[in-house]
Amino acid sequence: MSISGIQGLPLEVTVVGCVNLKDKEWISRQDPYVCLECASSKFRTKTCTGKNPIFQEKFVFTLIEGLRELNVMVWNSNTLSADDFIGTGRIQLHKVLSQGYDDTAWPIQDKCGRYSGEVRLILYYSATNQSKTKAKPSAPPCGIPNPTMPGILPYPQTTASPYPTPSPYTAVPAYPPASTTYPPSAYPPPPTYSAYPPSSSTYPPPPAYPPPPAGYPTFAPAGYPPQYPPCAPAGYPPQYPPPAATCYPPGPAAGIYPPPPY
């Protein structure tokens, strides 16, 4: 990717900290700090203590066309004498200018070229991300004809919805279905029951009674209980005085009540 056209653009540099710094103090602990240089711009961090100090300080540099590296130096702060030089290193800007971001621990060396520790820096170049978002697409969007390719028509675009619009209310059939008669005609009619016992003349068959014997009187007796022997029927008009009764016991005398004593 081309990294030209960086003149006057900002570059953010965050000094995270140092690791395994060479100790310059024999009795007490050292107090290191970091200096950054880019062309005529120079920045310095605060002073920390120890061989693994943490700074977390951010600085902004103005880039210059053709400048591709940054200088970093680490010093030990002294109170009564000059500061002690710990190490220096060069930070390459090619990765941050092409990708927009770089998080690396860079090694530093002393005046003799020996290893003196590492400095961790986070570099951020915002112009790279803006150029990516403003880049034009290589192919035209779907449905827009390409003017450089005549005769090729875009795909027809339909305005119909891909899914049917559901109705907010759906008619649901009544359950069970309404019927004009109850029970429904699908069921058989109820059976009819006849009177019990049946009135048929053939069930049960009438008993056959034997005919009355010959000579048996069919008339009913005149009185009850029957008299024995039977009295002779009285004539008409009745005789007075009545004849002597032949029945036993004798009946009361006709016309006299109470009857005379015997």
C-alpha atoms as a PDB file:
ATOM      1  CA  MET A   1       0.000   0.000   0.000  1.00  0.00           C
ATOM      2  CA  SER A   2       1.266   3.478  -0.858  1.00  0.00           C
ATOM      3  CA  ILE A   3       2.199   5.631   2.158  1.00  0.00           C
ATOM      4  CA  SER A   4       2.767   8.885   0.310  1.00  0.00           C
ATOM      5  CA  GLY A   5       0.886  12.084   1.094  1.00  0.00           C
ATOM      6  CA  ILE A   6       1.535  12.056   4.849  1.00  0.00           C
ATOM      7  CA  GLN A   7       2.796  15.630   5.069  1.00  0.00           C
ATOM      8  CA  GLY A   8       1.235  17.414   8.041  1.00  0.00           C
ATOM      9  CA  LEU A   9      -0.884  14.412   9.173  1.00  0.00           C
ATOM     10  CA  PRO A  10      -0.958  13.457  12.891  1.00  0.00           C
ATOM     11  CA  LEU A  11       0.668  10.347  14.358  1.00  0.00           C
ATOM     12  CA  GLU A  12      -0.248   9.275  17.895  1.00  0.00           C
ATOM     13  CA  VAL A  13       2.470   7.599  19.982  1.00  0.00           C
ATOM     14  CA  THR A  14       1.682   6.078  23.387  1.00  0.00           C
ATOM     15  CA  VAL A  15       4.617   5.142  25.643  1.00  0.00           C
ATOM     16  CA  VAL A  16       3.332   2.140  27.585  1.00  0.00           C
ATOM     17  CA  GLY A  17       6.483   1.292  29.573  1.00  0.00           C
ATOM     18  CA  CYS A  18       9.907  -0.360  29.631  1.00  0.00           C
ATOM     19  CA  VAL A  19      11.041  -3.926  30.306  1.00  0.00           C
ATOM     20  CA  ASN A  20      14.375  -5.236  31.651  1.00  0.00           C
ATOM     21  CA  LEU A  21      16.187  -1.921  31.661  1.00  0.00           C
ATOM     22  CA  LYS A  22      19.862  -1.925  32.503  1.00  0.00           C
ATOM     23  CA  ASP A  23      20.366  -0.766  36.076  1.00  0.00           C
ATOM     24  CA  LYS A  24      22.561   2.315  36.435  1.00  0.00           C
ATOM     25  CA  GLU A  25      22.419   2.599  40.237  1.00  0.00           C
ATOM     26  CA  TRP A  26      24.645   0.652  42.654  1.00  0.00           C
ATOM     27  CA  ILE A  27      22.972   1.491  45.935  1.00  0.00           C
ATOM     28  CA  SER A  28      19.497   2.976  45.318  1.00  0.00           C
ATOM     29  CA  ARG A  29      16.901   2.291  42.663  1.00  0.00           C
ATOM     30  CA  GLN A  30      17.147   4.079  39.326  1.00  0.00           C
ATOM     31  CA  ASP A  31      14.585   6.600  38.045  1.00  0.00           C
ATOM     32  CA  PRO A  32      14.216   6.137  34.255  1.00  0.00           C
ATOM     33  CA  TYR A  33      12.294   8.274  31.753  1.00  0.00           C
ATOM     34  CA  VAL A  34      11.754   8.089  27.951  1.00  0.00           C
ATOM     35  CA  CYS A  35      12.471  10.721  25.272  1.00  0.00           C
ATOM     36  CA  LEU A  36      10.929  10.665  21.747  1.00  0.00           C
ATOM     37  CA  GLU A  37      12.256  12.574  18.718  1.00  0.00           C
ATOM     38  CA  CYS A  38      10.737  12.982  15.241  1.00  0.00           C
ATOM     39  CA  ALA A  39      12.409  15.628  13.081  1.00  0.00           C
ATOM     40  CA  SER A  40      12.264  18.819  15.181  1.00  0.00           C
ATOM     41  CA  SER A  41       9.560  17.506  17.612  1.00  0.00           C
ATOM     42  CA  LYS A  42      10.716  16.174  20.985  1.00  0.00           C
ATOM     43  CA  PHE A  43       8.724  14.789  23.932  1.00  0.00           C
ATOM     44  CA  ARG A  44       9.613  13.391  27.340  1.00  0.00           C
ATOM     45  CA  THR A  45       7.690  11.211  29.789  1.00  0.00           C
ATOM     46  CA  LYS A  46       7.553  11.574  33.537  1.00  0.00           C
ATOM     47  CA  THR A  47      10.067   9.830  35.787  1.00  0.00           C
ATOM     48  CA  CYS A  48       9.281   6.384  37.206  1.00  0.00           C
ATOM     49  CA  THR A  49      11.197   3.965  39.426  1.00  0.00           C
ATOM     50  CA  GLY A  50      12.629   0.517  38.780  1.00  0.00           C
ATOM     51  CA  LYS A  51      13.773  -1.666  35.897  1.00  0.00           C
ATOM     52  CA  ASN A  52      10.204  -2.159  34.562  1.00  0.00           C
ATOM     53  CA  PRO A  53       8.562   1.281  34.762  1.00  0.00           C
ATOM     54  CA  ILE A  54       5.021   1.988  33.523  1.00  0.00           C
ATOM     55  CA  PHE A  55       4.304   5.365  31.905  1.00  0.00           C
ATOM     56  CA  GLN A  56       1.072   5.231  29.820  1.00  0.00           C
ATOM     57  CA  GLU A  57       1.605   8.645  28.229  1.00  0.00           C
ATOM     58  CA  LYS A  58       0.438   9.687  24.745  1.00  0.00           C
ATOM     59  CA  PHE A  59       2.057  12.201  22.381  1.00  0.00           C
ATOM     60  CA  VAL A  60       1.043  13.460  18.919  1.00  0.00           C
ATOM     61  CA  PHE A  61       3.649  14.077  16.166  1.00  0.00           C
ATOM     62  CA  THR A  62       3.179  15.901  12.871  1.00  0.00           C
ATOM     63  CA  LEU A  63       4.449  13.716  10.049  1.00  0.00           C
ATOM     64  CA  ILE A  64       6.857  14.935   7.400  1.00  0.00           C
ATOM     65  CA  GLU A  65       6.880  13.567   3.859  1.00  0.00           C
ATOM     66  CA  GLY A  66       9.715  11.084   3.467  1.00  0.00           C
ATOM     67  CA  LEU A  67      10.266  10.546   7.211  1.00  0.00           C
ATOM     68  CA  ARG A  68       9.943   6.820   8.027  1.00  0.00           C
ATOM     69  CA  GLU A  69      11.406   6.390  11.548  1.00  0.00           C
ATOM     70  CA  LEU A  70      11.218   7.700  15.099  1.00  0.00           C
ATOM     71  CA  ASN A  71      14.047   7.886  17.677  1.00  0.00           C
ATOM     72  CA  VAL A  72      13.553   6.765  21.267  1.00  0.00           C
ATOM     73  CA  MET A  73      16.020   7.187  24.174  1.00  0.00           C
ATOM     74  CA  VAL A  74      15.866   6.086  27.814  1.00  0.00           C
ATOM     75  CA  TRP A  75      17.680   7.996  30.595  1.00  0.00           C
ATOM     76  CA  ASN A  76      18.171   7.582  34.331  1.00  0.00           C
ATOM     77  CA  SER A  77      17.392  10.719  36.323  1.00  0.00           C
ATOM     78  CA  ASN A  78      19.984  11.902  38.863  1.00  0.00           C
ATOM     79  CA  THR A  79      19.679  14.688  41.429  1.00  0.00           C
ATOM     80  CA  LEU A  80      23.287  15.761  42.054  1.00  0.00           C
ATOM     81  CA  SER A  81      24.886  14.728  38.760  1.00  0.00           C
ATOM     82  CA  ALA A  82      24.065  14.465  35.079  1.00  0.00           C
ATOM     83  CA  ASP A  83      21.495  11.901  33.966  1.00  0.00           C
ATOM     84  CA  ASP A  84      22.793   8.472  32.962  1.00  0.00           C
ATOM     85  CA  PHE A  85      22.230   7.223  29.437  1.00  0.00           C
ATOM     86  CA  ILE A  86      20.563   3.752  29.426  1.00  0.00           C
ATOM     87  CA  GLY A  87      19.896   3.063  25.746  1.00  0.00           C
ATOM     88  CA  THR A  88      18.470   4.207  22.411  1.00  0.00           C
ATOM     89  CA  GLY A  89      16.558   2.701  19.489  1.00  0.00           C
ATOM     90  CA  ARG A  90      14.888   3.464  16.142  1.00  0.00           C
ATOM     91  CA  ILE A  91      11.153   2.952  15.600  1.00  0.00           C
ATOM     92  CA  GLN A  92      10.144   2.074  12.033  1.00  0.00           C
ATOM     93  CA  LEU A  93       6.909   3.716  10.827  1.00  0.00           C
ATOM     94  CA  HIS A  94       6.222   1.583   7.753  1.00  0.00           C
ATOM     95  CA  LYS A  95       3.730  -0.740   9.518  1.00  0.00           C
ATOM     96  CA  VAL A  96       1.720   1.994  11.201  1.00  0.00           C
ATOM     97  CA  LEU A  97       1.529   4.105   8.025  1.00  0.00           C
ATOM     98  CA  SER A  98       0.314   1.135   5.941  1.00  0.00           C
ATOM     99  CA  GLN A  99      -1.974  -0.588   8.474  1.00  0.00           C
ATOM    100  CA  GLY A 100      -2.900   2.295  10.777  1.00  0.00           C
ATOM    101  CA  TYR A 101      -1.887   0.552  14.027  1.00  0.00           C
ATOM    102  CA  ASP A 102       1.282  -0.895  15.580  1.00  0.00           C
ATOM    103  CA  ASP A 103       1.840  -2.293  19.095  1.00  0.00           C
ATOM    104  CA  THR A 104       5.447  -3.470  19.493  1.00  0.00           C
ATOM    105  CA  ALA A 105       8.194  -3.657  22.131  1.00  0.00           C
ATOM    106  CA  TRP A 106      11.308  -2.154  20.544  1.00  0.00           C
ATOM    107  CA  PRO A 107      14.796  -3.103  21.830  1.00  0.00           C
ATOM    108  CA  ILE A 108      17.297  -0.425  22.843  1.00  0.00           C
ATOM    109  CA  GLN A 109      21.127  -0.531  22.967  1.00  0.00           C
ATOM    110  CA  ASP A 110      23.757   1.312  24.975  1.00  0.00           C
ATOM    111  CA  LYS A 111      26.710   3.247  23.528  1.00  0.00           C
ATOM    112  CA  CYS A 112      28.594  -0.005  22.983  1.00  0.00           C
ATOM    113  CA  GLY A 113      25.728  -1.599  21.068  1.00  0.00           C
ATOM    114  CA  ARG A 114      24.803  -3.989  23.868  1.00  0.00           C
ATOM    115  CA  TYR A 115      21.219  -4.883  24.841  1.00  0.00           C
ATOM    116  CA  SER A 116      19.846  -2.508  27.477  1.00  0.00           C
ATOM    117  CA  GLY A 117      16.133  -3.447  27.588  1.00  0.00           C
ATOM    118  CA  GLU A 118      12.934  -2.807  25.617  1.00  0.00           C
ATOM    119  CA  VAL A 119      10.470   0.041  25.178  1.00  0.00           C
ATOM    120  CA  ARG A 120       6.833  -0.740  24.364  1.00  0.00           C
ATOM    121  CA  LEU A 121       5.086   1.792  22.099  1.00  0.00           C
ATOM    122  CA  ILE A 122       1.589   1.904  20.589  1.00  0.00           C
ATOM    123  CA  LEU A 123       1.414   3.841  17.285  1.00  0.00           C
ATOM    124  CA  TYR A 124      -1.842   4.968  15.687  1.00  0.00           C
ATOM    125  CA  TYR A 125      -2.302   6.613  12.274  1.00  0.00           C
ATOM    126  CA  SER A 126      -5.959   7.636  11.678  1.00  0.00           C
ATOM    127  CA  ALA A 127      -5.545   8.709   8.027  1.00  0.00           C
ATOM    128  CA  THR A 128      -5.165   5.077   6.940  1.00  0.00           C
ATOM    129  CA  ASN A 129      -8.614   4.104   8.267  1.00  0.00           C
ATOM    130  CA  GLN A 130     -10.253   7.142   6.673  1.00  0.00           C
ATOM    131  CA  SER A 131      -8.769   6.332   3.261  1.00  0.00           C
ATOM    132  CA  LYS A 132     -10.140   2.785   3.471  1.00  0.00           C
ATOM    133  CA  THR A 133     -13.673   3.972   4.193  1.00  0.00           C
ATOM    134  CA  LYS A 134     -13.591   6.496   1.335  1.00  0.00           C
ATOM    135  CA  ALA A 135     -12.343   3.961  -1.242  1.00  0.00           C
ATOM    136  CA  LYS A 136     -14.754   3.395  -4.111  1.00  0.00           C
ATOM    137  CA  PRO A 137     -16.109  -0.097  -4.753  1.00  0.00           C
ATOM    138  CA  SER A 138     -14.537  -1.998  -7.638  1.00  0.00           C
ATOM    139  CA  ALA A 139     -17.917  -3.278  -8.909  1.00  0.00           C
ATOM    140  CA  PRO A 140     -21.164  -1.327  -9.363  1.00  0.00           C
ATOM    141  CA  PRO A 141     -24.010  -2.099  -6.957  1.00  0.00           C
ATOM    142  CA  CYS A 142     -26.587  -4.681  -7.956  1.00  0.00           C
ATOM    143  CA  GLY A 143     -29.356  -3.252 -10.118  1.00  0.00           C
ATOM    144  CA  ILE A 144     -27.330  -0.250 -11.439  1.00  0.00           C
ATOM    145  CA  PRO A 145     -26.133  -0.584 -15.057  1.00  0.00           C
ATOM    146  CA  ASN A 146     -22.429  -0.175 -15.746  1.00  0.00           C
ATOM    147  CA  PRO A 147     -21.910   2.633 -18.310  1.00  0.00           C
ATOM    148  CA  THR A 148     -18.642   1.046 -19.478  1.00  0.00           C
ATOM    149  CA  MET A 149     -20.432  -2.169 -20.527  1.00  0.00           C
ATOM    150  CA  PRO A 150     -23.215  -1.216 -22.999  1.00  0.00           C
ATOM    151  CA  GLY A 151     -25.858  -3.749 -23.897  1.00  0.00           C
ATOM    152  CA  ILE A 152     -25.926  -5.362 -20.455  1.00  0.00           C
ATOM    153  CA  LEU A 153     -29.093  -4.671 -18.568  1.00  0.00           C
ATOM    154  CA  PRO A 154     -29.382  -5.016 -14.808  1.00  0.00           C
ATOM    155  CA  TYR A 155     -31.532  -7.641 -13.188  1.00  0.00           C
ATOM    156  CA  PRO A 156     -35.166  -6.572 -13.021  1.00  0.00           C
ATOM    157  CA  GLN A 157     -36.123  -5.436  -9.583  1.00  0.00           C
ATOM    158  CA  THR A 158     -39.488  -6.432  -8.313  1.00  0.00           C
ATOM    159  CA  THR A 159     -41.365  -4.248  -5.913  1.00  0.00           C
ATOM    160  CA  ALA A 160     -43.479  -7.054  -4.567  1.00  0.00           C
ATOM    161  CA  SER A 161     -42.790  -8.093  -1.014  1.00  0.00           C
ATOM    162  CA  PRO A 162     -40.926 -11.418  -0.755  1.00  0.00           C
ATOM    163  CA  TYR A 163     -43.248 -12.505   2.020  1.00  0.00           C
ATOM    164  CA  PRO A 164     -47.042 -12.175   2.047  1.00  0.00           C
ATOM    165  CA  THR A 165     -48.378  -9.662   4.479  1.00  0.00           C
ATOM    166  CA  PRO A 166     -50.258 -11.574   7.163  1.00  0.00           C
ATOM    167  CA  SER A 167     -53.726 -10.409   8.089  1.00  0.00           C
ATOM    168  CA  PRO A 168     -53.996  -9.133  11.661  1.00  0.00           C
ATOM    169  CA  TYR A 169     -57.141 -11.198  12.170  1.00  0.00           C
ATOM    170  CA  THR A 170     -57.711 -14.641  10.719  1.00  0.00           C
ATOM    171  CA  ALA A 171     -61.216 -16.051  10.469  1.00  0.00           C
ATOM    172  CA  VAL A 172     -61.417 -19.286  12.432  1.00  0.00           C
ATOM    173  CA  PRO A 173     -64.322 -21.655  11.668  1.00  0.00           C
ATOM    174  CA  ALA A 174     -66.658 -22.352  14.553  1.00  0.00           C
ATOM    175  CA  TYR A 175     -66.171 -25.641  16.345  1.00  0.00           C
ATOM    176  CA  PRO A 176     -68.233 -27.767  16.446  1.00  0.00           C
ATOM    177  CA  PRO A 177     -70.109 -26.684  13.294  1.00  0.00           C
ATOM    178  CA  ALA A 178     -73.580 -25.327  13.867  1.00  0.00           C
ATOM    179  CA  SER A 179     -76.427 -27.718  13.059  1.00  0.00           C
ATOM    180  CA  THR A 180     -80.113 -26.950  12.430  1.00  0.00           C
ATOM    181  CA  THR A 181     -81.274 -30.155  14.137  1.00  0.00           C
ATOM    182  CA  TYR A 182     -80.111 -31.813  17.301  1.00  0.00           C
ATOM    183  CA  PRO A 183     -78.925 -34.478  17.433  1.00  0.00           C
ATOM    184  CA  PRO A 184     -77.271 -34.361  13.984  1.00  0.00           C
ATOM    185  CA  SER A 185     -78.804 -36.367  11.183  1.00  0.00           C
ATOM    186  CA  ALA A 186     -75.695 -38.527  11.015  1.00  0.00           C
ATOM    187  CA  TYR A 187     -76.931 -40.449  14.090  1.00  0.00           C
ATOM    188  CA  PRO A 188     -79.737 -43.105  13.652  1.00  0.00           C
ATOM    189  CA  PRO A 189     -83.219 -42.221  14.990  1.00  0.00           C
ATOM    190  CA  PRO A 190     -84.111 -43.598  18.432  1.00  0.00           C
ATOM    191  CA  PRO A 191     -86.107 -46.885  18.384  1.00  0.00           C
ATOM    192  CA  THR A 192     -89.849 -46.910  19.236  1.00  0.00           C
ATOM    193  CA  TYR A 193     -91.005 -49.140  22.048  1.00  0.00           C
ATOM    194  CA  SER A 194     -94.480 -50.795  22.182  1.00  0.00           C
ATOM    195  CA  ALA A 195     -96.595 -51.205  25.291  1.00  0.00           C
ATOM    196  CA  TYR A 196     -95.857 -54.080  27.640  1.00  0.00           C
ATOM    197  CA  PRO A 197     -97.310 -56.649  27.658  1.00  0.00           C
ATOM    198  CA  PRO A 198     -97.985 -56.624  23.913  1.00  0.00           C
ATOM    199  CA  SER A 199    -101.586 -56.271  22.845  1.00  0.00           C
ATOM    200  CA  SER A 200    -101.341 -58.881  20.147  1.00  0.00           C
ATOM    201  CA  SER A 201    -104.138 -61.426  20.081  1.00  0.00           C
ATOM    202  CA  THR A 202    -101.663 -64.173  19.421  1.00  0.00           C
ATOM    203  CA  TYR A 203     -99.378 -63.651  22.440  1.00  0.00           C
ATOM    204  CA  PRO A 204     -99.880 -65.261  24.824  1.00  0.00           C
ATOM    205  CA  PRO A 205    -102.503 -67.603  23.265  1.00  0.00           C
ATOM    206  CA  PRO A 206    -105.809 -67.690  25.182  1.00  0.00           C
ATOM    207  CA  PRO A 207    -106.312 -70.881  27.171  1.00  0.00           C
ATOM    208  CA  ALA A 208    -108.856 -73.287  25.757  1.00  0.00           C
ATOM    209  CA  TYR A 209    -111.488 -73.912  28.437  1.00  0.00           C
ATOM    210  CA  PRO A 210    -113.581 -77.103  28.139  1.00  0.00           C
ATOM    211  CA  PRO A 211    -117.277 -76.559  27.356  1.00  0.00           C
ATOM    212  CA  PRO A 212    -119.712 -76.961  30.270  1.00  0.00           C
ATOM    213  CA  PRO A 213    -121.111 -80.523  30.714  1.00  0.00           C
ATOM    214  CA  ALA A 214    -124.566 -81.310  29.414  1.00  0.00           C
ATOM    215  CA  GLY A 215    -127.391 -81.183  31.890  1.00  0.00           C
ATOM    216  CA  TYR A 216    -125.720 -78.674  34.156  1.00  0.00           C
ATOM    217  CA  PRO A 217    -128.199 -75.890  34.989  1.00  0.00           C
ATOM    218  CA  THR A 218    -127.138 -72.585  33.642  1.00  0.00           C
ATOM    219  CA  PHE A 219    -129.411 -70.464  35.817  1.00  0.00           C
ATOM    220  CA  ALA A 220    -128.330 -69.105  39.141  1.00  0.00           C
ATOM    221  CA  PRO A 221    -130.062 -70.303  42.318  1.00  0.00           C
ATOM    222  CA  ALA A 222    -132.810 -68.169  43.698  1.00  0.00           C
ATOM    223  CA  GLY A 223    -131.362 -67.675  47.102  1.00  0.00           C
ATOM    224  CA  TYR A 224    -128.140 -67.981  48.949  1.00  0.00           C
ATOM    225  CA  PRO A 225    -127.301 -70.154  50.746  1.00  0.00           C
ATOM    226  CA  PRO A 226    -129.248 -72.737  48.700  1.00  0.00           C
ATOM    227  CA  GLN A 227    -132.114 -74.442  50.459  1.00  0.00           C
ATOM    228  CA  TYR A 228    -132.397 -78.144  50.647  1.00  0.00           C
ATOM    229  CA  PRO A 229    -134.654 -79.548  49.561  1.00  0.00           C
ATOM    230  CA  PRO A 230    -135.766 -76.813  47.215  1.00  0.00           C
ATOM    231  CA  CYS A 231    -139.171 -75.223  47.884  1.00  0.00           C
ATOM    232  CA  ALA A 232    -141.940 -75.375  45.414  1.00  0.00           C
ATOM    233  CA  PRO A 233    -142.531 -72.133  43.598  1.00  0.00           C
ATOM    234  CA  ALA A 234    -145.333 -70.082  44.924  1.00  0.00           C
ATOM    235  CA  GLY A 235    -148.391 -69.604  42.766  1.00  0.00           C
ATOM    236  CA  TYR A 236    -149.842 -66.302  41.720  1.00  0.00           C
ATOM    237  CA  PRO A 237    -151.875 -64.778  43.250  1.00  0.00           C
ATOM    238  CA  PRO A 238    -150.690 -66.117  46.629  1.00  0.00           C
ATOM    239  CA  GLN A 239    -153.107 -68.253  48.662  1.00  0.00           C
ATOM    240  CA  TYR A 240    -154.330 -67.067  52.019  1.00  0.00           C
ATOM    241  CA  PRO A 241    -153.706 -68.520  54.458  1.00  0.00           C
ATOM    242  CA  PRO A 242    -150.527 -69.843  52.989  1.00  0.00           C
ATOM    243  CA  PRO A 243    -150.050 -73.563  52.934  1.00  0.00           C
ATOM    244  CA  ALA A 244    -147.810 -75.194  55.411  1.00  0.00           C
ATOM    245  CA  ALA A 245    -144.216 -74.751  54.607  1.00  0.00           C
ATOM    246  CA  THR A 246    -142.364 -77.792  53.593  1.00  0.00           C
ATOM    247  CA  CYS A 247    -139.059 -76.134  54.012  1.00  0.00           C
ATOM    248  CA  TYR A 248    -136.799 -76.512  57.014  1.00  0.00           C
ATOM    249  CA  PRO A 249    -136.600 -74.472  59.041  1.00  0.00           C
ATOM    250  CA  PRO A 250    -140.021 -72.986  58.512  1.00  0.00           C
ATOM    251  CA  GLY A 251    -140.149 -69.412  57.404  1.00  0.00           C
ATOM    252  CA  PRO A 252    -142.090 -66.692  59.111  1.00  0.00           C
ATOM    253  CA  ALA A 253    -145.843 -66.533  58.689  1.00  0.00           C
ATOM    254  CA  ALA A 254    -146.986 -64.280  55.950  1.00  0.00           C
ATOM    255  CA  GLY A 255    -148.678 -61.097  57.039  1.00  0.00           C
ATOM    256  CA  ILE A 256    -147.966 -61.476  60.789  1.00  0.00           C
ATOM    257  CA  TYR A 257    -144.912 -59.954  62.449  1.00  0.00           C
ATOM    258  CA  PRO A 258    -143.629 -60.997  64.807  1.00  0.00           C
ATOM    259  CA  PRO A 259    -144.809 -64.576  64.267  1.00  0.00           C
ATOM    260  CA  PRO A 260    -147.029 -66.166  66.906  1.00  0.00           C
ATOM    261  CA  PRO A 261    -145.422 -68.495  69.332  1.00  0.00           C
ATOM    262  CA  TYR A 262    -145.715 -72.188  68.705  1.00  0.00           C
END
